[in-house]
Amino acid sequence: AGARPGDKAADRPGDRAGDRGGAGDRSGAADRGGAGVA
């Protein structure tokens, strides 16, 4: 908790791309070897 409630900086849900892979797969559908998609 900072000392300034309501600071606009506190309202950045997407800061720095937020969820850096929220659905998890940086490979996505990128099969880097065919057998290891998941």
PDB file of all heavy atoms in Angstrom:
ATOM      1  N   ALA A   1       0.843  -1.193   0.000  1.00  0.00           N
ATOM      2  CA  ALA A   1       0.000   0.000   0.000  1.00  0.00           C
ATOM      3  C   ALA A   1       0.866   1.225   0.000  1.00  0.00           C
ATOM      4  O   ALA A   1       1.717   1.386   0.859  1.00  0.00           O
ATOM      5  CB  ALA A   1      -0.893   0.015   1.228  1.00  0.00           C
ATOM      6  N   GLY A   2       0.639   2.089  -0.972  1.00  0.00           N
ATOM      7  CA  GLY A   2       1.380   3.339  -0.998  1.00  0.00           C
ATOM      8  C   GLY A   2       0.672   4.391  -0.182  1.00  0.00           C
ATOM      9  O   GLY A   2      -0.353   4.154   0.433  1.00  0.00           O
ATOM     10  N   ALA A   3       1.209   5.567  -0.210  1.00  0.00           N
ATOM     11  CA  ALA A   3       0.661   6.634   0.619  1.00  0.00           C
ATOM     12  C   ALA A   3      -0.360   7.481  -0.115  1.00  0.00           C
ATOM     13  O   ALA A   3      -0.877   8.423   0.441  1.00  0.00           O
ATOM     14  CB  ALA A   3       1.793   7.524   1.126  1.00  0.00           C
ATOM     15  N   ARG A   4      -0.629   7.158  -1.401  1.00  0.00           N
ATOM     16  CA  ARG A   4      -1.525   8.020  -2.168  1.00  0.00           C
ATOM     17  C   ARG A   4      -2.656   7.219  -2.792  1.00  0.00           C
ATOM     18  O   ARG A   4      -2.566   6.778  -3.924  1.00  0.00           O
ATOM     19  CB  ARG A   4      -0.745   8.739  -3.250  1.00  0.00           C
ATOM     20  CG  ARG A   4       0.274   9.717  -2.689  1.00  0.00           C
ATOM     21  CD  ARG A   4       1.097  10.343  -3.797  1.00  0.00           C
ATOM     22  NE  ARG A   4       1.931   9.349  -4.448  1.00  0.00           N
ATOM     23  CZ  ARG A   4       2.715   9.637  -5.468  1.00  0.00           C
ATOM     24  NH1 ARG A   4       2.737  10.840  -5.975  1.00  0.00           N
ATOM     25  NH2 ARG A   4       3.466   8.693  -6.001  1.00  0.00           N
ATOM     26  N   PRO A   5      -3.736   6.945  -2.023  1.00  0.00           N
ATOM     27  CA  PRO A   5      -4.866   6.206  -2.582  1.00  0.00           C
ATOM     28  C   PRO A   5      -5.387   6.900  -3.826  1.00  0.00           C
ATOM     29  O   PRO A   5      -5.461   8.129  -3.898  1.00  0.00           O
ATOM     30  CB  PRO A   5      -5.895   6.234  -1.445  1.00  0.00           C
ATOM     31  CG  PRO A   5      -5.083   6.478  -0.203  1.00  0.00           C
ATOM     32  CD  PRO A   5      -3.927   7.344  -0.645  1.00  0.00           C
ATOM     33  N   GLY A   6      -5.767   6.079  -4.793  1.00  0.00           N
ATOM     34  CA  GLY A   6      -6.339   6.625  -6.005  1.00  0.00           C
ATOM     35  C   GLY A   6      -5.322   7.080  -7.015  1.00  0.00           C
ATOM     36  O   GLY A   6      -5.678   7.674  -8.022  1.00  0.00           O
ATOM     37  N   ASP A   7      -4.075   6.834  -6.735  1.00  0.00           N
ATOM     38  CA  ASP A   7      -3.040   7.223  -7.694  1.00  0.00           C
ATOM     39  C   ASP A   7      -3.336   6.569  -9.042  1.00  0.00           C
ATOM     40  O   ASP A   7      -3.570   5.371  -9.129  1.00  0.00           O
ATOM     41  CB  ASP A   7      -1.680   6.759  -7.156  1.00  0.00           C
ATOM     42  CG  ASP A   7      -0.528   7.325  -7.975  1.00  0.00           C
ATOM     43  OD1 ASP A   7      -0.746   7.731  -9.129  1.00  0.00           O
ATOM     44  OD2 ASP A   7       0.577   7.339  -7.449  1.00  0.00           O
ATOM     45  N   LYS A   8      -3.286   7.389 -10.109  1.00  0.00           N
ATOM     46  CA  LYS A   8      -3.601   6.845 -11.423  1.00  0.00           C
ATOM     47  C   LYS A   8      -2.649   5.734 -11.811  1.00  0.00           C
ATOM     48  O   LYS A   8      -3.007   4.831 -12.563  1.00  0.00           O
ATOM     49  CB  LYS A   8      -3.571   7.959 -12.457  1.00  0.00           C
ATOM     50  CG  LYS A   8      -4.698   8.978 -12.293  1.00  0.00           C
ATOM     51  CD  LYS A   8      -4.619  10.034 -13.367  1.00  0.00           C
ATOM     52  CE  LYS A   8      -5.741  11.048 -13.191  1.00  0.00           C
ATOM     53  NZ  LYS A   8      -5.688  12.095 -14.217  1.00  0.00           N
ATOM     54  N   ALA A   9      -1.443   5.816 -11.264  1.00  0.00           N
ATOM     55  CA  ALA A   9      -0.477   4.767 -11.613  1.00  0.00           C
ATOM     56  C   ALA A   9      -0.895   3.434 -11.070  1.00  0.00           C
ATOM     57  O   ALA A   9      -0.388   2.410 -11.464  1.00  0.00           O
ATOM     58  CB  ALA A   9       0.906   5.144 -11.093  1.00  0.00           C
ATOM     59  N   ALA A  10      -1.842   3.458 -10.131  1.00  0.00           N
ATOM     60  CA  ALA A  10      -2.258   2.196  -9.527  1.00  0.00           C
ATOM     61  C   ALA A  10      -3.275   1.476 -10.356  1.00  0.00           C
ATOM     62  O   ALA A  10      -3.782   0.460  -9.960  1.00  0.00           O
ATOM     63  CB  ALA A  10      -2.839   2.467  -8.136  1.00  0.00           C
ATOM     64  N   ASP A  11      -3.624   2.029 -11.504  1.00  0.00           N
ATOM     65  CA  ASP A  11      -4.717   1.443 -12.266  1.00  0.00           C
ATOM     66  C   ASP A  11      -4.198   0.993 -13.621  1.00  0.00           C
ATOM     67  O   ASP A  11      -4.689   1.409 -14.645  1.00  0.00           O
ATOM     68  CB  ASP A  11      -5.828   2.482 -12.405  1.00  0.00           C
ATOM     69  CG  ASP A  11      -7.156   1.819 -12.645  1.00  0.00           C
ATOM     70  OD1 ASP A  11      -7.244   0.586 -12.541  1.00  0.00           O
ATOM     71  OD2 ASP A  11      -8.097   2.540 -12.943  1.00  0.00           O
ATOM     72  N   ARG A  12      -3.179   0.145 -13.632  1.00  0.00           N
ATOM     73  CA  ARG A  12      -2.593  -0.296 -14.887  1.00  0.00           C
ATOM     74  C   ARG A  12      -2.663  -1.801 -15.011  1.00  0.00           C
ATOM     75  O   ARG A  12      -1.682  -2.488 -14.792  1.00  0.00           O
ATOM     76  CB  ARG A  12      -1.129   0.119 -14.950  1.00  0.00           C
ATOM     77  CG  ARG A  12      -0.916   1.615 -14.894  1.00  0.00           C
ATOM     78  CD  ARG A  12       0.546   1.864 -15.088  1.00  0.00           C
ATOM     79  NE  ARG A  12       0.927   3.159 -14.604  1.00  0.00           N
ATOM     80  CZ  ARG A  12       2.176   3.509 -14.398  1.00  0.00           C
ATOM     81  NH1 ARG A  12       3.140   2.634 -14.607  1.00  0.00           N
ATOM     82  NH2 ARG A  12       2.482   4.718 -13.966  1.00  0.00           N
ATOM     83  N   PRO A  13      -3.843  -2.357 -15.266  1.00  0.00           N
ATOM     84  CA  PRO A  13      -3.961  -3.819 -15.291  1.00  0.00           C
ATOM     85  C   PRO A  13      -3.123  -4.467 -16.360  1.00  0.00           C
ATOM     86  O   PRO A  13      -2.828  -5.643 -16.283  1.00  0.00           O
ATOM     87  CB  PRO A  13      -5.462  -4.043 -15.517  1.00  0.00           C
ATOM     88  CG  PRO A  13      -5.927  -2.766 -16.164  1.00  0.00           C
ATOM     89  CD  PRO A  13      -5.094  -1.668 -15.594  1.00  0.00           C
ATOM     90  N   GLY A  14      -2.744  -3.737 -17.380  1.00  0.00           N
ATOM     91  CA  GLY A  14      -2.011  -4.382 -18.468  1.00  0.00           C
ATOM     92  C   GLY A  14      -0.552  -4.026 -18.493  1.00  0.00           C
ATOM     93  O   GLY A  14       0.079  -4.142 -19.522  1.00  0.00           O
ATOM     94  N   ASP A  15      -0.018  -3.536 -17.367  1.00  0.00           N
ATOM     95  CA  ASP A  15       1.352  -3.048 -17.372  1.00  0.00           C
ATOM     96  C   ASP A  15       2.324  -4.110 -17.828  1.00  0.00           C
ATOM     97  O   ASP A  15       2.270  -5.246 -17.405  1.00  0.00           O
ATOM     98  CB  ASP A  15       1.710  -2.594 -15.953  1.00  0.00           C
ATOM     99  CG  ASP A  15       2.942  -1.728 -15.926  1.00  0.00           C
ATOM    100  OD1 ASP A  15       3.294  -1.207 -16.993  1.00  0.00           O
ATOM    101  OD2 ASP A  15       3.523  -1.584 -14.849  1.00  0.00           O
ATOM    102  N   ARG A  16       3.258  -3.699 -18.657  1.00  0.00           N
ATOM    103  CA  ARG A  16       4.311  -4.566 -19.176  1.00  0.00           C
ATOM    104  C   ARG A  16       3.763  -5.848 -19.776  1.00  0.00           C
ATOM    105  O   ARG A  16       4.259  -6.937 -19.495  1.00  0.00           O
ATOM    106  CB  ARG A  16       5.299  -4.911 -18.075  1.00  0.00           C
ATOM    107  CG  ARG A  16       6.054  -3.675 -17.607  1.00  0.00           C
ATOM    108  CD  ARG A  16       7.290  -4.053 -16.894  1.00  0.00           C
ATOM    109  NE  ARG A  16       7.987  -2.876 -16.435  1.00  0.00           N
ATOM    110  CZ  ARG A  16       9.125  -2.898 -15.810  1.00  0.00           C
ATOM    111  NH1 ARG A  16       9.710  -4.057 -15.574  1.00  0.00           N
ATOM    112  NH2 ARG A  16       9.710  -1.792 -15.425  1.00  0.00           N
ATOM    113  N   ALA A  17       2.735  -5.696 -20.527  1.00  0.00           N
ATOM    114  CA  ALA A  17       2.095  -6.818 -21.231  1.00  0.00           C
ATOM    115  C   ALA A  17       1.442  -7.774 -20.266  1.00  0.00           C
ATOM    116  O   ALA A  17       0.991  -8.831 -20.630  1.00  0.00           O
ATOM    117  CB  ALA A  17       3.090  -7.583 -22.094  1.00  0.00           C
ATOM    118  N   GLY A  18       1.396  -7.380 -18.955  1.00  0.00           N
ATOM    119  CA  GLY A  18       0.635  -8.144 -17.984  1.00  0.00           C
ATOM    120  C   GLY A  18       0.980  -9.603 -17.989  1.00  0.00           C
ATOM    121  O   GLY A  18       2.047 -10.012 -17.662  1.00  0.00           O
ATOM    122  N   ASP A  19       0.019 -10.374 -18.404  1.00  0.00           N
ATOM    123  CA  ASP A  19       0.189 -11.815 -18.437  1.00  0.00           C
ATOM    124  C   ASP A  19       1.130 -12.157 -19.580  1.00  0.00           C
ATOM    125  O   ASP A  19       0.766 -12.079 -20.721  1.00  0.00           O
ATOM    126  CB  ASP A  19      -1.185 -12.449 -18.638  1.00  0.00           C
ATOM    127  CG  ASP A  19      -1.100 -13.940 -18.711  1.00  0.00           C
ATOM    128  OD1 ASP A  19      -0.002 -14.484 -18.688  1.00  0.00           O
ATOM    129  OD2 ASP A  19      -2.155 -14.536 -18.794  1.00  0.00           O
ATOM    130  N   ARG A  20       2.359 -12.528 -19.229  1.00  0.00           N
ATOM    131  CA  ARG A  20       3.364 -12.766 -20.266  1.00  0.00           C
ATOM    132  C   ARG A  20       3.195 -14.149 -20.870  1.00  0.00           C
ATOM    133  O   ARG A  20       4.119 -14.938 -20.904  1.00  0.00           O
ATOM    134  CB  ARG A  20       4.758 -12.588 -19.677  1.00  0.00           C
ATOM    135  CG  ARG A  20       4.978 -11.181 -19.162  1.00  0.00           C
ATOM    136  CD  ARG A  20       6.333 -11.087 -18.497  1.00  0.00           C
ATOM    137  NE  ARG A  20       7.399 -11.338 -19.437  1.00  0.00           N
ATOM    138  CZ  ARG A  20       7.999 -10.384 -20.117  1.00  0.00           C
ATOM    139  NH1 ARG A  20       7.640  -9.139 -19.969  1.00  0.00           N
ATOM    140  NH2 ARG A  20       8.985 -10.676 -20.950  1.00  0.00           N
ATOM    141  N   GLY A  21       2.037 -14.452 -21.268  1.00  0.00           N
ATOM    142  CA  GLY A  21       1.786 -15.736 -21.882  1.00  0.00           C
ATOM    143  C   GLY A  21       0.605 -16.385 -21.223  1.00  0.00           C
ATOM    144  O   GLY A  21       0.584 -17.569 -21.037  1.00  0.00           O
ATOM    145  N   GLY A  22      -0.349 -15.557 -20.802  1.00  0.00           N
ATOM    146  CA  GLY A  22      -1.431 -16.020 -19.958  1.00  0.00           C
ATOM    147  C   GLY A  22      -1.964 -17.356 -20.343  1.00  0.00           C
ATOM    148  O   GLY A  22      -2.222 -18.195 -19.519  1.00  0.00           O
ATOM    149  N   ALA A  23      -2.154 -17.616 -21.626  1.00  0.00           N
ATOM    150  CA  ALA A  23      -2.606 -18.931 -22.004  1.00  0.00           C
ATOM    151  C   ALA A  23      -1.452 -19.885 -22.053  1.00  0.00           C
ATOM    152  O   ALA A  23      -1.606 -21.039 -22.340  1.00  0.00           O
ATOM    153  CB  ALA A  23      -3.290 -18.888 -23.356  1.00  0.00           C
ATOM    154  N   GLY A  24      -0.297 -19.381 -21.756  1.00  0.00           N
ATOM    155  CA  GLY A  24       0.830 -20.231 -21.434  1.00  0.00           C
ATOM    156  C   GLY A  24       1.776 -20.514 -22.539  1.00  0.00           C
ATOM    157  O   GLY A  24       2.957 -20.600 -22.334  1.00  0.00           O
ATOM    158  N   ASP A  25       1.353 -20.640 -23.770  1.00  0.00           N
ATOM    159  CA  ASP A  25       2.252 -21.195 -24.775  1.00  0.00           C
ATOM    160  C   ASP A  25       2.952 -20.106 -25.550  1.00  0.00           C
ATOM    161  O   ASP A  25       2.386 -19.500 -26.424  1.00  0.00           O
ATOM    162  CB  ASP A  25       1.486 -22.106 -25.730  1.00  0.00           C
ATOM    163  CG  ASP A  25       0.219 -21.464 -26.239  1.00  0.00           C
ATOM    164  OD1 ASP A  25      -0.040 -20.297 -25.929  1.00  0.00           O
ATOM    165  OD2 ASP A  25      -0.486 -22.159 -26.959  1.00  0.00           O
ATOM    166  N   ARG A  26       4.212 -19.852 -25.210  1.00  0.00           N
ATOM    167  CA  ARG A  26       4.980 -18.999 -26.094  1.00  0.00           C
ATOM    168  C   ARG A  26       5.181 -19.680 -27.425  1.00  0.00           C
ATOM    169  O   ARG A  26       5.476 -19.052 -28.424  1.00  0.00           O
ATOM    170  CB  ARG A  26       6.324 -18.658 -25.453  1.00  0.00           C
ATOM    171  CG  ARG A  26       6.147 -17.633 -24.328  1.00  0.00           C
ATOM    172  CD  ARG A  26       7.453 -17.196 -23.800  1.00  0.00           C
ATOM    173  NE  ARG A  26       8.176 -16.439 -24.813  1.00  0.00           N
ATOM    174  CZ  ARG A  26       9.341 -15.891 -24.585  1.00  0.00           C
ATOM    175  NH1 ARG A  26       9.904 -15.996 -23.416  1.00  0.00           N
ATOM    176  NH2 ARG A  26       9.969 -15.228 -25.534  1.00  0.00           N
ATOM    177  N   SER A  27       5.092 -20.978 -27.405  1.00  0.00           N
ATOM    178  CA  SER A  27       5.201 -21.673 -28.684  1.00  0.00           C
ATOM    179  C   SER A  27       3.882 -21.638 -29.427  1.00  0.00           C
ATOM    180  O   SER A  27       3.816 -21.830 -30.623  1.00  0.00           O
ATOM    181  CB  SER A  27       5.618 -23.119 -28.448  1.00  0.00           C
ATOM    182  OG  SER A  27       4.702 -23.759 -27.612  1.00  0.00           O
ATOM    183  N   GLY A  28       2.778 -21.354 -28.686  1.00  0.00           N
ATOM    184  CA  GLY A  28       1.466 -21.335 -29.312  1.00  0.00           C
ATOM    185  C   GLY A  28       1.278 -22.579 -30.145  1.00  0.00           C
ATOM    186  O   GLY A  28       1.381 -23.690 -29.696  1.00  0.00           O
ATOM    187  N   ALA A  29       0.996 -22.360 -31.404  1.00  0.00           N
ATOM    188  CA  ALA A  29       0.891 -23.497 -32.288  1.00  0.00           C
ATOM    189  C   ALA A  29       2.231 -23.812 -32.901  1.00  0.00           C
ATOM    190  O   ALA A  29       2.352 -24.610 -33.811  1.00  0.00           O
ATOM    191  CB  ALA A  29      -0.123 -23.193 -33.392  1.00  0.00           C
ATOM    192  N   ALA A  30       3.263 -23.149 -32.385  1.00  0.00           N
ATOM    193  CA  ALA A  30       4.575 -23.270 -33.014  1.00  0.00           C
ATOM    194  C   ALA A  30       5.198 -24.592 -32.670  1.00  0.00           C
ATOM    195  O   ALA A  30       5.838 -24.728 -31.663  1.00  0.00           O
ATOM    196  CB  ALA A  30       5.458 -22.126 -32.566  1.00  0.00           C
ATOM    197  N   ASP A  31       4.962 -25.536 -33.460  1.00  0.00           N
ATOM    198  CA  ASP A  31       5.567 -26.842 -33.288  1.00  0.00           C
ATOM    199  C   ASP A  31       7.026 -26.741 -33.691  1.00  0.00           C
ATOM    200  O   ASP A  31       7.358 -26.661 -34.850  1.00  0.00           O
ATOM    201  CB  ASP A  31       4.812 -27.853 -34.169  1.00  0.00           C
ATOM    202  CG  ASP A  31       5.388 -29.237 -34.011  1.00  0.00           C
ATOM    203  OD1 ASP A  31       6.394 -29.411 -33.315  1.00  0.00           O
ATOM    204  OD2 ASP A  31       4.809 -30.133 -34.601  1.00  0.00           O
ATOM    205  N   ARG A  32       7.911 -26.716 -32.683  1.00  0.00           N
ATOM    206  CA  ARG A  32       9.313 -26.578 -33.002  1.00  0.00           C
ATOM    207  C   ARG A  32       9.949 -27.900 -33.335  1.00  0.00           C
ATOM    208  O   ARG A  32      11.150 -27.984 -33.492  1.00  0.00           O
ATOM    209  CB  ARG A  32      10.040 -25.922 -31.826  1.00  0.00           C
ATOM    210  CG  ARG A  32       9.499 -24.516 -31.575  1.00  0.00           C
ATOM    211  CD  ARG A  32      10.313 -23.792 -30.567  1.00  0.00           C
ATOM    212  NE  ARG A  32      11.675 -23.604 -31.071  1.00  0.00           N
ATOM    213  CZ  ARG A  32      12.601 -22.954 -30.405  1.00  0.00           C
ATOM    214  NH1 ARG A  32      12.324 -22.445 -29.240  1.00  0.00           N
ATOM    215  NH2 ARG A  32      13.817 -22.826 -30.905  1.00  0.00           N
ATOM    216  N   GLY A  33       9.210 -28.939 -33.310  1.00  0.00           N
ATOM    217  CA  GLY A  33       9.789 -30.204 -33.700  1.00  0.00           C
ATOM    218  C   GLY A  33       8.746 -31.194 -34.136  1.00  0.00           C
ATOM    219  O   GLY A  33       9.033 -32.355 -34.334  1.00  0.00           O
ATOM    220  N   GLY A  34       7.568 -30.762 -34.265  1.00  0.00           N
ATOM    221  CA  GLY A  34       6.537 -31.647 -34.767  1.00  0.00           C
ATOM    222  C   GLY A  34       5.857 -32.409 -33.648  1.00  0.00           C
ATOM    223  O   GLY A  34       4.676 -32.391 -33.525  1.00  0.00           O
ATOM    224  N   ALA A  35       6.623 -33.074 -32.805  1.00  0.00           N
ATOM    225  CA  ALA A  35       6.013 -33.939 -31.813  1.00  0.00           C
ATOM    226  C   ALA A  35       5.720 -33.212 -30.530  1.00  0.00           C
ATOM    227  O   ALA A  35       5.029 -33.752 -29.694  1.00  0.00           O
ATOM    228  CB  ALA A  35       6.947 -35.125 -31.526  1.00  0.00           C
ATOM    229  N   GLY A  36       6.259 -32.019 -30.328  1.00  0.00           N
ATOM    230  CA  GLY A  36       6.172 -31.409 -29.015  1.00  0.00           C
ATOM    231  C   GLY A  36       5.330 -30.166 -28.962  1.00  0.00           C
ATOM    232  O   GLY A  36       5.709 -29.217 -28.301  1.00  0.00           O
ATOM    233  N   VAL A  37       4.195 -30.131 -29.650  1.00  0.00           N
ATOM    234  CA  VAL A  37       3.398 -28.918 -29.702  1.00  0.00           C
ATOM    235  C   VAL A  37       3.046 -28.463 -28.308  1.00  0.00           C
ATOM    236  O   VAL A  37       3.163 -27.295 -27.981  1.00  0.00           O
ATOM    237  CB  VAL A  37       2.112 -29.154 -30.509  1.00  0.00           C
ATOM    238  CG1 VAL A  37       1.254 -27.908 -30.506  1.00  0.00           C
ATOM    239  CG2 VAL A  37       2.464 -29.581 -31.913  1.00  0.00           C
ATOM    240  N   ALA A  38       2.614 -29.363 -27.454  1.00  0.00           N
ATOM    241  CA  ALA A  38       2.163 -28.971 -26.122  1.00  0.00           C
ATOM    242  C   ALA A  38       3.287 -28.886 -25.132  1.00  0.00           C
ATOM    243  O   ALA A  38       3.095 -28.414 -24.030  1.00  0.00           O
ATOM    244  CB  ALA A  38       1.135 -29.982 -25.608  1.00  0.00           C
TER     245      ALA A  38
END
